[in-house]
PDB file of all heavy atoms in Angstrom:
ATOM      1  N   ALA A   1       0.833  -1.209   0.000  1.00  0.00           N
ATOM      2  CA  ALA A   1       0.000   0.000   0.000  1.00  0.00           C
ATOM      3  C   ALA A   1       0.864   1.255   0.000  1.00  0.00           C
ATOM      4  O   ALA A   1       0.571   2.220  -0.720  1.00  0.00           O
ATOM      5  CB  ALA A   1      -0.936   0.000   1.203  1.00  0.00           C
ATOM      6  N   LEU A   2       1.933   1.255   0.781  1.00  0.00           N
ATOM      7  CA  LEU A   2       2.821   2.413   0.819  1.00  0.00           C
ATOM      8  C   LEU A   2       3.511   2.615  -0.523  1.00  0.00           C
ATOM      9  O   LEU A   2       3.562   3.728  -1.060  1.00  0.00           O
ATOM     10  CB  LEU A   2       3.856   2.258   1.937  1.00  0.00           C
ATOM     11  CG  LEU A   2       4.847   3.400   2.087  1.00  0.00           C
ATOM     12  CD1 LEU A   2       4.141   4.734   2.297  1.00  0.00           C
ATOM     13  CD2 LEU A   2       5.801   3.114   3.234  1.00  0.00           C
ATOM     14  N   VAL A   3       4.023   1.538  -1.103  1.00  0.00           N
ATOM     15  CA  VAL A   3       4.699   1.626  -2.398  1.00  0.00           C
ATOM     16  C   VAL A   3       3.721   2.110  -3.470  1.00  0.00           C
ATOM     17  O   VAL A   3       4.050   3.008  -4.260  1.00  0.00           O
ATOM     18  CB  VAL A   3       5.311   0.266  -2.779  1.00  0.00           C
ATOM     19  CG1 VAL A   3       5.705   0.217  -4.230  1.00  0.00           C
ATOM     20  CG2 VAL A   3       6.505  -0.041  -1.885  1.00  0.00           C
ATOM     21  N   VAL A   4       2.540   1.527  -3.518  1.00  0.00           N
ATOM     22  CA  VAL A   4       1.542   1.942  -4.512  1.00  0.00           C
ATOM     23  C   VAL A   4       1.196   3.410  -4.309  1.00  0.00           C
ATOM     24  O   VAL A   4       1.124   4.177  -5.281  1.00  0.00           O
ATOM     25  CB  VAL A   4       0.294   1.035  -4.451  1.00  0.00           C
ATOM     26  CG1 VAL A   4      -0.885   1.658  -5.208  1.00  0.00           C
ATOM     27  CG2 VAL A   4       0.623  -0.336  -5.014  1.00  0.00           C
ATOM     28  N   SER A   5       1.005   3.841  -3.073  1.00  0.00           N
ATOM     29  CA  SER A   5       0.695   5.250  -2.801  1.00  0.00           C
ATOM     30  C   SER A   5       1.775   6.171  -3.352  1.00  0.00           C
ATOM     31  O   SER A   5       1.481   7.166  -4.021  1.00  0.00           O
ATOM     32  CB  SER A   5       0.564   5.498  -1.299  1.00  0.00           C
ATOM     33  OG  SER A   5      -0.581   4.898  -0.795  1.00  0.00           O
ATOM     34  N   GLU A   6       3.016   5.855  -3.053  1.00  0.00           N
ATOM     35  CA  GLU A   6       4.118   6.713  -3.490  1.00  0.00           C
ATOM     36  C   GLU A   6       4.273   6.716  -5.002  1.00  0.00           C
ATOM     37  O   GLU A   6       4.421   7.779  -5.615  1.00  0.00           O
ATOM     38  CB  GLU A   6       5.426   6.289  -2.813  1.00  0.00           C
ATOM     39  CG  GLU A   6       5.423   6.450  -1.306  1.00  0.00           C
ATOM     40  CD  GLU A   6       5.156   7.872  -0.824  1.00  0.00           C
ATOM     41  OE1 GLU A   6       5.446   8.841  -1.565  1.00  0.00           O
ATOM     42  OE2 GLU A   6       4.637   8.033   0.290  1.00  0.00           O
ATOM     43  N   LEU A   7       4.264   5.543  -5.625  1.00  0.00           N
ATOM     44  CA  LEU A   7       4.475   5.471  -7.070  1.00  0.00           C
ATOM     45  C   LEU A   7       3.303   6.071  -7.850  1.00  0.00           C
ATOM     46  O   LEU A   7       3.509   6.773  -8.843  1.00  0.00           O
ATOM     47  CB  LEU A   7       4.740   4.034  -7.513  1.00  0.00           C
ATOM     48  CG  LEU A   7       6.026   3.400  -6.978  1.00  0.00           C
ATOM     49  CD1 LEU A   7       6.185   1.980  -7.529  1.00  0.00           C
ATOM     50  CD2 LEU A   7       7.250   4.244  -7.276  1.00  0.00           C
ATOM     51  N   VAL A   8       2.080   5.811  -7.417  1.00  0.00           N
ATOM     52  CA  VAL A   8       0.913   6.367  -8.111  1.00  0.00           C
ATOM     53  C   VAL A   8       0.852   7.880  -7.901  1.00  0.00           C
ATOM     54  O   VAL A   8       0.550   8.626  -8.845  1.00  0.00           O
ATOM     55  CB  VAL A   8      -0.393   5.664  -7.678  1.00  0.00           C
ATOM     56  CG1 VAL A   8      -1.623   6.396  -8.212  1.00  0.00           C
ATOM     57  CG2 VAL A   8      -0.393   4.217  -8.162  1.00  0.00           C
ATOM     58  N   THR A   9       1.172   8.361  -6.714  1.00  0.00           N
ATOM     59  CA  THR A   9       1.199   9.804  -6.474  1.00  0.00           C
ATOM     60  C   THR A   9       2.191  10.482  -7.413  1.00  0.00           C
ATOM     61  O   THR A   9       1.873  11.495  -8.048  1.00  0.00           O
ATOM     62  CB  THR A   9       1.555  10.115  -5.009  1.00  0.00           C
ATOM     63  OG1 THR A   9       0.523   9.607  -4.164  1.00  0.00           O
ATOM     64  CG2 THR A   9       1.702  11.615  -4.780  1.00  0.00           C
ATOM     65  N   ASN A  10       3.388   9.921  -7.524  1.00  0.00           N
ATOM     66  CA  ASN A  10       4.384  10.481  -8.453  1.00  0.00           C
ATOM     67  C   ASN A  10       3.858  10.479  -9.879  1.00  0.00           C
ATOM     68  O   ASN A  10       4.014  11.462 -10.613  1.00  0.00           O
ATOM     69  CB  ASN A  10       5.692   9.691  -8.389  1.00  0.00           C
ATOM     70  CG  ASN A  10       6.494   9.974  -7.150  1.00  0.00           C
ATOM     71  OD1 ASN A  10       6.198  10.897  -6.399  1.00  0.00           O
ATOM     72  ND2 ASN A  10       7.516   9.177  -6.930  1.00  0.00           N
ATOM     73  N   ALA A  11       3.247   9.372 -10.285  1.00  0.00           N
ATOM     74  CA  ALA A  11       2.742   9.262 -11.655  1.00  0.00           C
ATOM     75  C   ALA A  11       1.640  10.281 -11.917  1.00  0.00           C
ATOM     76  O   ALA A  11       1.627  10.939 -12.965  1.00  0.00           O
ATOM     77  CB  ALA A  11       2.235   7.841 -11.917  1.00  0.00           C
ATOM     78  N   VAL A  12       0.725  10.435 -10.980  1.00  0.00           N
ATOM     79  CA  VAL A  12      -0.368  11.397 -11.139  1.00  0.00           C
ATOM     80  C   VAL A  12       0.203  12.817 -11.268  1.00  0.00           C
ATOM     81  O   VAL A  12      -0.265  13.608 -12.086  1.00  0.00           O
ATOM     82  CB  VAL A  12      -1.359  11.285  -9.956  1.00  0.00           C
ATOM     83  CG1 VAL A  12      -2.286  12.481  -9.879  1.00  0.00           C
ATOM     84  CG2 VAL A  12      -2.166   9.991 -10.071  1.00  0.00           C
ATOM     85  N   GLN A  13       1.240  13.126 -10.507  1.00  0.00           N
ATOM     86  CA  GLN A  13       1.837  14.464 -10.563  1.00  0.00           C
ATOM     87  C   GLN A  13       2.580  14.721 -11.868  1.00  0.00           C
ATOM     88  O   GLN A  13       2.664  15.858 -12.315  1.00  0.00           O
ATOM     89  CB  GLN A  13       2.798  14.657  -9.385  1.00  0.00           C
ATOM     90  CG  GLN A  13       2.104  14.747  -8.057  1.00  0.00           C
ATOM     91  CD  GLN A  13       3.068  14.789  -6.883  1.00  0.00           C
ATOM     92  OE1 GLN A  13       4.262  14.528  -7.022  1.00  0.00           O
ATOM     93  NE2 GLN A  13       2.541  15.105  -5.718  1.00  0.00           N
ATOM     94  N   HIS A  14       3.115  13.684 -12.494  1.00  0.00           N
ATOM     95  CA  HIS A  14       3.964  13.877 -13.667  1.00  0.00           C
ATOM     96  C   HIS A  14       3.343  13.395 -14.977  1.00  0.00           C
ATOM     97  O   HIS A  14       3.968  13.519 -16.030  1.00  0.00           O
ATOM     98  CB  HIS A  14       5.314  13.182 -13.455  1.00  0.00           C
ATOM     99  CG  HIS A  14       6.058  13.733 -12.283  1.00  0.00           C
ATOM    100  ND1 HIS A  14       6.687  14.951 -12.310  1.00  0.00           N
ATOM    101  CD2 HIS A  14       6.241  13.249 -11.033  1.00  0.00           C
ATOM    102  CE1 HIS A  14       7.235  15.195 -11.136  1.00  0.00           C
ATOM    103  NE2 HIS A  14       6.972  14.184 -10.340  1.00  0.00           N
ATOM    104  N   ALA A  15       2.135  12.889 -14.950  1.00  0.00           N
ATOM    105  CA  ALA A  15       1.520  12.301 -16.151  1.00  0.00           C
ATOM    106  C   ALA A  15       1.107  13.336 -17.185  1.00  0.00           C
ATOM    107  O   ALA A  15       0.931  12.990 -18.350  1.00  0.00           O
ATOM    108  CB  ALA A  15       0.320  11.448 -15.764  1.00  0.00           C
ATOM    109  N   GLU A  16       0.926  14.569 -16.779  1.00  0.00           N
ATOM    110  CA  GLU A  16       0.542  15.645 -17.706  1.00  0.00           C
ATOM    111  C   GLU A  16      -0.675  15.281 -18.544  1.00  0.00           C
ATOM    112  O   GLU A  16      -0.692  15.477 -19.761  1.00  0.00           O
ATOM    113  CB  GLU A  16       1.731  16.038 -18.582  1.00  0.00           C
ATOM    114  CG  GLU A  16       2.897  16.560 -17.786  1.00  0.00           C
ATOM    115  CD  GLU A  16       4.116  16.893 -18.628  1.00  0.00           C
ATOM    116  OE1 GLU A  16       4.077  16.728 -19.860  1.00  0.00           O
ATOM    117  OE2 GLU A  16       5.118  17.316 -18.028  1.00  0.00           O
ATOM    118  N   GLY A  17      -1.684  14.699 -17.906  1.00  0.00           N
ATOM    119  CA  GLY A  17      -2.934  14.392 -18.586  1.00  0.00           C
ATOM    120  C   GLY A  17      -2.990  13.061 -19.295  1.00  0.00           C
ATOM    121  O   GLY A  17      -4.047  12.641 -19.734  1.00  0.00           O
ATOM    122  N   THR A  18      -1.864  12.384 -19.452  1.00  0.00           N
ATOM    123  CA  THR A  18      -1.875  11.072 -20.096  1.00  0.00           C
ATOM    124  C   THR A  18      -2.293  10.014 -19.089  1.00  0.00           C
ATOM    125  O   THR A  18      -2.090  10.181 -17.884  1.00  0.00           O
ATOM    126  CB  THR A  18      -0.496  10.713 -20.689  1.00  0.00           C
ATOM    127  OG1 THR A  18       0.460  10.666 -19.632  1.00  0.00           O
ATOM    128  CG2 THR A  18      -0.063  11.732 -21.728  1.00  0.00           C
ATOM    129  N   PRO A  19      -2.858   8.906 -19.542  1.00  0.00           N
ATOM    130  CA  PRO A  19      -3.279   7.861 -18.609  1.00  0.00           C
ATOM    131  C   PRO A  19      -2.116   7.322 -17.777  1.00  0.00           C
ATOM    132  O   PRO A  19      -0.970   7.296 -18.218  1.00  0.00           O
ATOM    133  CB  PRO A  19      -3.844   6.771 -19.513  1.00  0.00           C
ATOM    134  CG  PRO A  19      -4.256   7.494 -20.746  1.00  0.00           C
ATOM    135  CD  PRO A  19      -3.244   8.592 -20.915  1.00  0.00           C
ATOM    136  N   VAL A  20      -2.457   6.907 -16.582  1.00  0.00           N
ATOM    137  CA  VAL A  20      -1.524   6.275 -15.652  1.00  0.00           C
ATOM    138  C   VAL A  20      -1.897   4.808 -15.584  1.00  0.00           C
ATOM    139  O   VAL A  20      -3.072   4.453 -15.693  1.00  0.00           O
ATOM    140  CB  VAL A  20      -1.622   6.925 -14.246  1.00  0.00           C
ATOM    141  CG1 VAL A  20      -0.802   6.175 -13.217  1.00  0.00           C
ATOM    142  CG2 VAL A  20      -1.199   8.386 -14.309  1.00  0.00           C
ATOM    143  N   GLY A  21      -0.913   3.952 -15.423  1.00  0.00           N
ATOM    144  CA  GLY A  21      -1.186   2.524 -15.311  1.00  0.00           C
ATOM    145  C   GLY A  21      -0.542   1.934 -14.073  1.00  0.00           C
ATOM    146  O   GLY A  21       0.566   2.317 -13.693  1.00  0.00           O
ATOM    147  N   LEU A  22      -1.253   1.036 -13.435  1.00  0.00           N
ATOM    148  CA  LEU A  22      -0.724   0.250 -12.319  1.00  0.00           C
ATOM    149  C   LEU A  22      -0.812  -1.203 -12.736  1.00  0.00           C
ATOM    150  O   LEU A  22      -1.883  -1.677 -13.116  1.00  0.00           O
ATOM    151  CB  LEU A  22      -1.539   0.475 -11.044  1.00  0.00           C
ATOM    152  CG  LEU A  22      -1.292  -0.510  -9.887  1.00  0.00           C
ATOM    153  CD1 LEU A  22       0.134  -0.382  -9.356  1.00  0.00           C
ATOM    154  CD2 LEU A  22      -2.310  -0.290  -8.775  1.00  0.00           C
ATOM    155  N   ARG A  23       0.307  -1.882 -12.706  1.00  0.00           N
ATOM    156  CA  ARG A  23       0.334  -3.320 -12.985  1.00  0.00           C
ATOM    157  C   ARG A  23       1.022  -3.996 -11.810  1.00  0.00           C
ATOM    158  O   ARG A  23       2.049  -3.533 -11.330  1.00  0.00           O
ATOM    159  CB  ARG A  23       1.082  -3.616 -14.276  1.00  0.00           C
ATOM    160  CG  ARG A  23       1.128  -5.110 -14.558  1.00  0.00           C
ATOM    161  CD  ARG A  23       1.718  -5.490 -15.882  1.00  0.00           C
ATOM    162  NE  ARG A  23       2.699  -4.545 -16.371  1.00  0.00           N
ATOM    163  CZ  ARG A  23       3.104  -4.490 -17.621  1.00  0.00           C
ATOM    164  NH1 ARG A  23       2.608  -5.297 -18.521  1.00  0.00           N
ATOM    165  NH2 ARG A  23       4.016  -3.616 -17.998  1.00  0.00           N
ATOM    166  N   MET A  24       0.427  -5.080 -11.361  1.00  0.00           N
ATOM    167  CA  MET A  24       1.004  -5.842 -10.262  1.00  0.00           C
ATOM    168  C   MET A  24       0.927  -7.312 -10.622  1.00  0.00           C
ATOM    169  O   MET A  24      -0.093  -7.774 -11.119  1.00  0.00           O
ATOM    170  CB  MET A  24       0.231  -5.576  -8.972  1.00  0.00           C
ATOM    171  CG  MET A  24       0.839  -6.226  -7.758  1.00  0.00           C
ATOM    172  SD  MET A  24      -0.022  -5.804  -6.237  1.00  0.00           S
ATOM    173  CE  MET A  24       0.041  -4.033  -6.275  1.00  0.00           C
ATOM    174  N   TRP A  25       2.012  -8.019 -10.381  1.00  0.00           N
ATOM    175  CA  TRP A  25       1.999  -9.453 -10.599  1.00  0.00           C
ATOM    176  C   TRP A  25       2.851 -10.129  -9.554  1.00  0.00           C
ATOM    177  O   TRP A  25       3.730  -9.527  -8.953  1.00  0.00           O
ATOM    178  CB  TRP A  25       2.405  -9.826 -12.014  1.00  0.00           C
ATOM    179  CG  TRP A  25       3.698  -9.285 -12.532  1.00  0.00           C
ATOM    180  CD1 TRP A  25       3.878  -8.129 -13.225  1.00  0.00           C
ATOM    181  CD2 TRP A  25       4.995  -9.883 -12.419  1.00  0.00           C
ATOM    182  NE1 TRP A  25       5.200  -7.978 -13.557  1.00  0.00           N
ATOM    183  CE2 TRP A  25       5.909  -9.043 -13.078  1.00  0.00           C
ATOM    184  CE3 TRP A  25       5.479 -11.056 -11.832  1.00  0.00           C
ATOM    185  CZ2 TRP A  25       7.261  -9.321 -13.163  1.00  0.00           C
ATOM    186  CZ3 TRP A  25       6.830 -11.338 -11.921  1.00  0.00           C
ATOM    187  CH2 TRP A  25       7.704 -10.482 -12.582  1.00  0.00           C
ATOM    188  N   ARG A  26       2.512 -11.376  -9.341  1.00  0.00           N
ATOM    189  CA  ARG A  26       3.264 -12.162  -8.367  1.00  0.00           C
ATOM    190  C   ARG A  26       3.827 -13.397  -9.030  1.00  0.00           C
ATOM    191  O   ARG A  26       3.201 -13.994  -9.896  1.00  0.00           O
ATOM    192  CB  ARG A  26       2.407 -12.540  -7.182  1.00  0.00           C
ATOM    193  CG  ARG A  26       1.266 -13.463  -7.554  1.00  0.00           C
ATOM    194  CD  ARG A  26       0.640 -14.098  -6.377  1.00  0.00           C
ATOM    195  NE  ARG A  26       1.611 -14.935  -5.709  1.00  0.00           N
ATOM    196  CZ  ARG A  26       1.341 -15.884  -4.849  1.00  0.00           C
ATOM    197  NH1 ARG A  26       0.097 -16.126  -4.541  1.00  0.00           N
ATOM    198  NH2 ARG A  26       2.258 -16.605  -4.286  1.00  0.00           N
ATOM    199  N   ALA A  27       5.014 -13.732  -8.632  1.00  0.00           N
ATOM    200  CA  ALA A  27       5.668 -14.962  -9.058  1.00  0.00           C
ATOM    201  C   ALA A  27       5.956 -15.741  -7.773  1.00  0.00           C
ATOM    202  O   ALA A  27       5.462 -15.392  -6.705  1.00  0.00           O
ATOM    203  CB  ALA A  27       6.936 -14.650  -9.835  1.00  0.00           C
ATOM    204  N   ALA A  28       6.754 -16.757  -7.869  1.00  0.00           N
ATOM    205  CA  ALA A  28       6.992 -17.630  -6.727  1.00  0.00           C
ATOM    206  C   ALA A  28       7.553 -16.891  -5.514  1.00  0.00           C
ATOM    207  O   ALA A  28       7.137 -17.136  -4.391  1.00  0.00           O
ATOM    208  CB  ALA A  28       7.939 -18.762  -7.121  1.00  0.00           C
ATOM    209  N   HIS A  29       8.472 -15.950  -5.723  1.00  0.00           N
ATOM    210  CA  HIS A  29       9.154 -15.346  -4.583  1.00  0.00           C
ATOM    211  C   HIS A  29       9.098 -13.832  -4.540  1.00  0.00           C
ATOM    212  O   HIS A  29       9.749 -13.219  -3.699  1.00  0.00           O
ATOM    213  CB  HIS A  29      10.624 -15.801  -4.557  1.00  0.00           C
ATOM    214  CG  HIS A  29      10.759 -17.284  -4.493  1.00  0.00           C
ATOM    215  ND1 HIS A  29      10.438 -18.013  -3.370  1.00  0.00           N
ATOM    216  CD2 HIS A  29      11.130 -18.187  -5.426  1.00  0.00           C
ATOM    217  CE1 HIS A  29      10.628 -19.303  -3.606  1.00  0.00           C
ATOM    218  NE2 HIS A  29      11.046 -19.433  -4.851  1.00  0.00           N
ATOM    219  N   GLU A  30       8.340 -13.224  -5.459  1.00  0.00           N
ATOM    220  CA  GLU A  30       8.286 -11.767  -5.441  1.00  0.00           C
ATOM    221  C   GLU A  30       6.939 -11.237  -5.896  1.00  0.00           C
ATOM    222  O   GLU A  30       6.212 -11.889  -6.648  1.00  0.00           O
ATOM    223  CB  GLU A  30       9.392 -11.156  -6.306  1.00  0.00           C
ATOM    224  CG  GLU A  30       9.119 -11.206  -7.780  1.00  0.00           C
ATOM    225  CD  GLU A  30      10.134 -10.426  -8.605  1.00  0.00           C
ATOM    226  OE1 GLU A  30      10.830  -9.548  -8.074  1.00  0.00           O
ATOM    227  OE2 GLU A  30      10.226 -10.722  -9.805  1.00  0.00           O
ATOM    228  N   LEU A  31       6.633 -10.050  -5.404  1.00  0.00           N
ATOM    229  CA  LEU A  31       5.486  -9.280  -5.854  1.00  0.00           C
ATOM    230  C   LEU A  31       6.074  -8.088  -6.598  1.00  0.00           C
ATOM    231  O   LEU A  31       6.888  -7.351  -6.047  1.00  0.00           O
ATOM    232  CB  LEU A  31       4.660  -8.801  -4.658  1.00  0.00           C
ATOM    233  CG  LEU A  31       3.462  -7.917  -4.988  1.00  0.00           C
ATOM    234  CD1 LEU A  31       2.376  -8.749  -5.665  1.00  0.00           C
ATOM    235  CD2 LEU A  31       2.930  -7.260  -3.730  1.00  0.00           C
ATOM    236  N   ARG A  32       5.697  -7.926  -7.836  1.00  0.00           N
ATOM    237  CA  ARG A  32       6.241  -6.831  -8.656  1.00  0.00           C
ATOM    238  C   ARG A  32       5.149  -5.793  -8.868  1.00  0.00           C
ATOM    239  O   ARG A  32       4.013  -6.134  -9.225  1.00  0.00           O
ATOM    240  CB  ARG A  32       6.731  -7.382  -9.993  1.00  0.00           C
ATOM    241  CG  ARG A  32       7.120  -6.329 -10.976  1.00  0.00           C
ATOM    242  CD  ARG A  32       8.567  -6.315 -11.253  1.00  0.00           C
ATOM    243  NE  ARG A  32       8.815  -5.448 -12.416  1.00  0.00           N
ATOM    244  CZ  ARG A  32       9.963  -5.324 -12.976  1.00  0.00           C
ATOM    245  NH1 ARG A  32      10.985  -6.014 -12.541  1.00  0.00           N
ATOM    246  NH2 ARG A  32      10.126  -4.518 -13.990  1.00  0.00           N
ATOM    247  N   ILE A  33       5.495  -4.537  -8.645  1.00  0.00           N
ATOM    248  CA  ILE A  33       4.580  -3.410  -8.806  1.00  0.00           C
ATOM    249  C   ILE A  33       5.191  -2.475  -9.840  1.00  0.00           C
ATOM    250  O   ILE A  33       6.347  -2.076  -9.709  1.00  0.00           O
ATOM    251  CB  ILE A  33       4.375  -2.681  -7.464  1.00  0.00           C
ATOM    252  CG1 ILE A  33       3.783  -3.637  -6.428  1.00  0.00           C
ATOM    253  CG2 ILE A  33       3.497  -1.444  -7.656  1.00  0.00           C
ATOM    254  CD1 ILE A  33       3.806  -3.119  -5.007  1.00  0.00           C
ATOM    255  N   GLU A  34       4.413  -2.146 -10.871  1.00  0.00           N
ATOM    256  CA  GLU A  34       4.877  -1.269 -11.940  1.00  0.00           C
ATOM    257  C   GLU A  34       3.856  -0.152 -12.146  1.00  0.00           C
ATOM    258  O   GLU A  34       2.658  -0.417 -12.208  1.00  0.00           O
ATOM    259  CB  GLU A  34       5.019  -2.051 -13.246  1.00  0.00           C
ATOM    260  CG  GLU A  34       5.964  -3.218 -13.154  1.00  0.00           C
ATOM    261  CD  GLU A  34       5.966  -4.092 -14.410  1.00  0.00           C
ATOM    262  OE1 GLU A  34       5.079  -3.914 -15.283  1.00  0.00           O
ATOM    263  OE2 GLU A  34       6.838  -4.956 -14.507  1.00  0.00           O
ATOM    264  N   VAL A  35       4.338   1.075 -12.244  1.00  0.00           N
ATOM    265  CA  VAL A  35       3.462   2.216 -12.480  1.00  0.00           C
ATOM    266  C   VAL A  35       4.009   2.996 -13.672  1.00  0.00           C
ATOM    267  O   VAL A  35       5.186   3.349 -13.702  1.00  0.00           O
ATOM    268  CB  VAL A  35       3.358   3.120 -11.237  1.00  0.00           C
ATOM    269  CG1 VAL A  35       2.515   4.350 -11.533  1.00  0.00           C
ATOM    270  CG2 VAL A  35       2.769   2.346 -10.059  1.00  0.00           C
ATOM    271  N   THR A  36       3.146   3.248 -14.655  1.00  0.00           N
ATOM    272  CA  THR A  36       3.529   4.012 -15.840  1.00  0.00           C
ATOM    273  C   THR A  36       2.810   5.349 -15.829  1.00  0.00           C
ATOM    274  O   THR A  36       1.682   5.456 -15.348  1.00  0.00           O
ATOM    275  CB  THR A  36       3.171   3.260 -17.136  1.00  0.00           C
ATOM    276  OG1 THR A  36       1.766   2.985 -17.125  1.00  0.00           O
ATOM    277  CG2 THR A  36       3.935   1.961 -17.258  1.00  0.00           C
ATOM    278  N   ASP A  37       3.494   6.364 -16.370  1.00  0.00           N
ATOM    279  CA  ASP A  37       2.875   7.689 -16.426  1.00  0.00           C
ATOM    280  C   ASP A  37       3.061   8.397 -17.757  1.00  0.00           C
ATOM    281  O   ASP A  37       2.590   9.509 -17.937  1.00  0.00           O
ATOM    282  CB  ASP A  37       3.378   8.573 -15.290  1.00  0.00           C
ATOM    283  CG  ASP A  37       4.862   8.879 -15.361  1.00  0.00           C
ATOM    284  OD1 ASP A  37       5.507   8.603 -16.389  1.00  0.00           O
ATOM    285  OD2 ASP A  37       5.387   9.398 -14.362  1.00  0.00           O
ATOM    286  N   GLY A  38       3.754   7.786 -18.691  1.00  0.00           N
ATOM    287  CA  GLY A  38       3.934   8.396 -20.002  1.00  0.00           C
ATOM    288  C   GLY A  38       4.996   9.487 -20.054  1.00  0.00           C
ATOM    289  O   GLY A  38       5.331   9.968 -21.124  1.00  0.00           O
TER     290      GLY A  38
END
C-alpha cells in the first residue's frame, strides 16, 4: 500500500494528462509493482 501510494502519487503528478497505469503481478518469490505515467 505504501509503495503503490508513493508510485501512483508520483505518476499522477507527472503524467501531464496522459493515462496512468498500475500493474502488479506475483511470481513464486516476489510481488512486482509497476506504475507508468507516459
